[in-house]
Protein backbone atom coordinates (compact mmCIF):
# COMPACT_ATOMS: atom_id res chain seq x y z
CA MET A 1 -19.18 -10.94 -18.88
CA PRO A 2 -18.99 -11.52 -15.10
CA VAL A 3 -15.64 -11.37 -13.41
CA ALA A 4 -14.49 -14.51 -11.63
CA SER A 5 -12.98 -13.90 -8.22
CA ASN A 6 -9.95 -15.94 -7.28
CA ILE A 7 -9.81 -14.87 -3.62
CA GLY A 8 -12.37 -15.17 -0.87
CA ALA A 9 -13.49 -12.75 1.79
CA ILE A 10 -10.54 -13.59 4.04
CA GLY A 11 -8.05 -12.96 1.23
CA ARG A 12 -9.68 -9.63 0.35
CA ARG A 13 -9.65 -8.58 4.01
CA ARG A 14 -5.98 -9.53 4.28
CA ARG A 15 -5.13 -7.48 1.18
CA TYR A 16 -7.09 -4.48 2.48
CA ILE A 17 -5.16 -4.69 5.76
CA VAL A 18 -1.81 -4.97 3.97
CA GLY A 19 -2.82 -2.04 1.76
CA ALA A 20 -3.86 0.14 4.69
CA VAL A 21 -0.69 -0.69 6.63
CA GLY A 22 1.40 0.14 3.56
CA LEU A 23 -0.29 3.50 3.11
CA VAL A 24 0.03 4.39 6.78
CA ALA A 25 3.69 3.33 6.74
CA GLY A 26 4.23 5.47 3.65
CA VAL A 27 2.72 8.52 5.32
CA ALA A 28 4.78 7.94 8.48
CA LEU A 29 7.97 7.44 6.48
CA ALA A 30 7.31 10.52 4.37
CA ALA A 31 6.69 12.63 7.46
CA ALA A 32 9.83 11.31 9.16
CA LEU A 33 11.98 11.99 6.12
CA VAL A 34 10.61 15.50 5.59
CA LEU A 35 10.72 16.48 9.26
CA GLY A 36 14.18 14.94 9.60
CA HIS A 37 15.44 16.97 6.64
CA ALA A 38 16.57 13.84 4.82
CA PRO A 39 18.28 14.29 1.44
CA LEU A 40 15.90 14.44 -1.49
CA GLY A 41 17.26 11.23 -3.00
CA SER A 42 16.41 9.22 0.09
CA ARG A 43 12.80 10.38 -0.06
CA PHE A 44 12.27 8.08 -3.03
CA LEU A 45 12.11 5.27 -0.47
CA VAL A 46 8.54 6.40 0.21
CA PHE A 47 7.58 4.83 -3.11
CA VAL A 48 7.91 1.27 -1.75
CA PRO A 49 5.29 1.36 1.03
CA PHE A 50 2.93 3.46 -1.08
CA ALA A 51 3.25 1.04 -4.00
CA LEU A 52 2.64 -1.98 -1.76
CA GLY A 53 -0.31 -0.24 -0.12
CA ALA A 54 -1.88 0.70 -3.42
CA LEU A 55 -1.29 -2.78 -4.81
CA GLY A 56 -2.97 -4.42 -1.83
CA ILE A 57 -6.03 -2.17 -2.01
CA LEU A 58 -6.36 -2.48 -5.78
CA GLN A 59 -6.08 -6.26 -5.61
CA ALA A 60 -8.72 -6.41 -2.88
CA ARG A 61 -11.09 -4.21 -4.85
CA GLY A 62 -10.49 -6.18 -8.04
CA GLN A 63 -10.82 -9.49 -6.18
CA THR A 64 -7.65 -10.80 -7.77
């Protein structure tokens, strides 16, 4: 059964961009927290940009 796409090319591109920015922000935040010797508990903040980045890329690939 074919999958129906509910976003167009512009929407997919926008989600890829949001996903890439989220992943880059996650890497930058992780590096800053590790190099700044931040407490281990605060390093859980890295989850947010990585989750948003992954969500954007997965939505773009799934065309949803």
